[in-house]
């Protein structure tokens, strides 16, 4: 009987984990900008478009310290279709798990000399390299990559 309950518990955990979908959406409307916070993005679920830009199959993995996200060739092609990245604003994106926003960030133009108080990412081939604040984060802001849902997702993926 104990074996049955253990097996059932493991089965339920695997179903719950299998339903975890990491996705990235492009934001085109309001995304809860914070006054006096350049580039800060705090999106709500209602700000997300119907379809994601990148789906779980386009995303390989996060690095251990969450400052790099590796994507597939297909994911790279999707990012390329975004076109030119504006120098002053980047392109607003949001990482979600099961369509629940985890954190927003800007895909940043590598030639930009503009700063940001928030999280930006540069694309280097199949790698998105994150940086919190350019040149430094605004005092009092917490790095959104420390969200417990994301940490749990990354731990479960290992």
Protein backbone atom coordinates (compact mmCIF):
# COMPACT_ATOMS: atom_id res chain seq x y z
CA UNK A 1 0.00 0.00 0.00
CA UNK A 2 2.85 2.39 0.84
CA UNK A 3 4.38 1.72 -2.59
CA UNK A 4 1.06 2.58 -4.23
CA UNK A 5 0.86 5.98 -2.51
CA UNK A 6 4.50 6.76 -3.27
CA UNK A 7 3.97 5.89 -6.94
CA UNK A 8 0.78 7.96 -7.04
CA UNK A 9 2.52 10.95 -5.48
CA UNK A 10 5.41 10.74 -7.95
CA UNK A 11 2.93 10.47 -10.82
CA UNK A 12 1.05 13.58 -9.66
CA UNK A 13 4.29 15.54 -9.26
CA UNK A 14 5.38 14.54 -12.77
CA UNK A 15 2.03 15.68 -14.21
CA UNK A 16 2.27 19.03 -12.44
CA UNK A 17 5.85 19.52 -13.61
CA UNK A 18 4.99 18.48 -17.17
CA UNK A 19 2.45 21.28 -17.28
CA UNK A 20 5.06 23.97 -16.59
CA UNK A 21 5.40 26.06 -19.75
CA UNK A 22 8.16 28.67 -19.87
CA UNK A 23 7.33 31.25 -22.54
CA UNK A 24 8.41 34.72 -23.62
CA UNK A 25 5.93 37.30 -24.90
CA UNK A 26 6.47 40.59 -26.69
CA UNK A 27 4.66 43.48 -25.03
CA UNK A 28 3.02 46.04 -27.28
CA UNK A 29 0.89 48.02 -24.91
CA UNK A 30 1.04 49.32 -21.38
CA UNK A 31 3.17 47.26 -19.07
CA UNK A 32 2.87 49.06 -15.77
CA UNK A 33 5.79 51.48 -16.11
CA UNK A 34 7.04 52.77 -12.79
CA UNK A 35 7.51 56.50 -12.44
CA UNK A 36 11.18 57.51 -12.37
CA UNK A 37 12.32 54.02 -13.33
CA UNK A 38 13.81 53.92 -16.80
CA UNK A 39 12.89 50.70 -18.60
CA UNK A 40 11.08 49.07 -15.66
CA UNK A 41 8.54 46.49 -16.76
CA UNK A 42 5.96 45.00 -14.40
CA UNK A 43 3.45 43.35 -16.76
CA UNK A 44 0.16 41.82 -15.75
CA UNK A 45 -1.36 38.81 -17.46
CA UNK A 46 -3.90 41.00 -19.27
CA UNK A 47 -1.03 42.84 -21.01
CA UNK A 48 0.14 39.67 -22.76
CA UNK A 49 -0.76 39.06 -26.40
CA UNK A 50 -2.62 35.88 -27.30
CA UNK A 51 0.42 34.01 -28.60
CA UNK A 52 3.94 33.91 -27.18
CA UNK A 53 7.02 34.96 -29.11
CA UNK A 54 9.03 32.00 -27.76
CA UNK A 55 7.54 28.77 -26.44
CA UNK A 56 9.12 26.11 -24.21
CA UNK A 57 10.41 24.23 -27.26
CA UNK A 58 12.37 27.36 -28.29
CA UNK A 59 14.06 27.64 -24.89
CA UNK A 60 16.90 25.31 -23.92
CA UNK A 61 17.71 26.36 -20.35
CA UNK A 62 18.72 29.10 -17.93
CA UNK A 63 22.26 29.20 -16.58
CA UNK A 64 22.65 28.32 -12.90
CA UNK A 65 22.83 31.96 -11.79
CA UNK A 66 20.00 33.00 -14.17
CA UNK A 67 22.05 35.59 -16.03
CA UNK A 68 21.97 33.67 -19.31
CA UNK A 69 19.10 32.05 -21.18
CA UNK A 70 19.92 29.65 -24.01
CA UNK A 71 17.52 29.33 -26.92
CA UNK A 72 17.27 27.07 -29.95
CA UNK A 73 18.02 28.00 -33.56
CA UNK A 74 14.27 28.29 -34.08
CA UNK A 75 14.11 30.72 -31.14
CA UNK A 76 16.92 32.76 -32.69
CA UNK A 77 14.99 32.99 -35.96
CA UNK A 78 11.92 34.25 -34.11
CA UNK A 79 13.97 36.95 -32.38
CA UNK A 80 15.52 37.92 -35.70
CA UNK A 81 12.03 38.52 -37.11
CA UNK A 82 11.52 41.27 -34.52
CA UNK A 83 13.65 43.47 -36.76
CA UNK A 84 15.86 46.32 -35.61
CA UNK A 85 16.00 46.88 -31.88
CA UNK A 86 15.41 50.57 -31.01
CA UNK A 87 18.52 52.16 -29.51
CA UNK A 88 16.74 54.11 -26.77
CA UNK A 89 14.08 51.64 -25.60
CA UNK A 90 14.92 48.11 -26.67
CA UNK A 91 12.02 45.68 -27.18
CA UNK A 92 9.84 44.95 -24.15
CA UNK A 93 9.51 41.22 -23.41
CA UNK A 94 8.19 39.19 -20.51
CA UNK A 95 9.10 35.73 -19.20
CA UNK A 96 6.09 33.70 -18.06
CA UNK A 97 5.42 30.31 -16.55
CA UNK A 98 2.02 28.98 -17.57
CA UNK A 99 1.18 32.47 -18.86
CA UNK A 100 1.77 34.03 -15.42
CA UNK A 101 4.27 36.91 -15.73
CA UNK A 102 7.51 36.28 -13.87
CA UNK A 103 9.58 39.26 -15.02
CA UNK A 104 9.77 41.81 -17.78
CA UNK A 105 12.95 42.86 -19.53
CA UNK A 106 14.11 44.73 -22.61
CA UNK A 107 15.94 43.06 -25.44
CA UNK A 108 18.67 45.67 -25.79
CA UNK A 109 20.54 46.91 -28.83
CA UNK A 110 24.26 46.17 -28.39
CA UNK A 111 25.10 49.52 -30.02
CA UNK A 112 22.96 51.52 -27.57
CA UNK A 113 24.58 54.02 -25.26
CA UNK A 114 21.30 54.55 -23.37
CA UNK A 115 20.91 53.35 -19.80
CA UNK A 116 18.23 51.38 -18.00
CA UNK A 117 17.29 51.00 -14.35
CA UNK A 118 15.89 47.55 -15.00
CA UNK A 119 16.72 44.20 -16.54
CA UNK A 120 18.06 44.16 -20.10
CA UNK A 121 19.25 41.29 -22.28
CA UNK A 122 21.72 41.21 -25.14
CA UNK A 123 21.55 38.45 -27.71
CA UNK A 124 24.77 36.63 -28.56
CA UNK A 125 23.82 33.86 -30.99
CA UNK A 126 21.77 31.32 -29.03
CA UNK A 127 22.35 33.09 -25.71
CA UNK A 128 20.46 35.95 -24.09
CA UNK A 129 22.77 37.56 -21.57
CA UNK A 130 20.92 39.46 -18.81
CA UNK A 131 22.16 42.51 -16.97
CA UNK A 132 20.33 44.19 -14.10
CA UNK A 133 20.67 47.94 -14.62
CA UNK A 134 22.81 49.91 -17.04
CA UNK A 135 25.17 51.05 -15.71
CA UNK A 136 23.68 50.08 -12.32
CA UNK A 137 20.18 49.22 -11.08
CA UNK A 138 18.03 51.88 -9.48
CA UNK A 139 18.43 51.75 -5.68
CA UNK A 140 15.64 49.90 -3.93
CA UNK A 141 14.75 47.62 -6.85
CA UNK A 142 15.03 43.86 -6.43
CA UNK A 143 16.31 41.73 -9.28
CA UNK A 144 13.18 40.04 -10.67
CA UNK A 145 15.09 36.85 -11.56
CA UNK A 146 14.93 35.89 -7.88
CA UNK A 147 11.21 35.09 -8.21
CA UNK A 148 10.53 31.82 -6.36
CA UNK A 149 8.44 30.42 -9.22
CA UNK A 150 11.34 30.84 -11.64
CA UNK A 151 13.87 29.41 -9.18
CA UNK A 152 11.62 26.39 -8.65
CA UNK A 153 11.16 25.94 -12.42
CA UNK A 154 14.91 26.08 -13.06
CA UNK A 155 15.64 23.66 -10.20
CA UNK A 156 13.04 21.22 -11.55
CA UNK A 157 14.58 21.38 -15.03
CA UNK A 158 18.00 20.22 -13.80
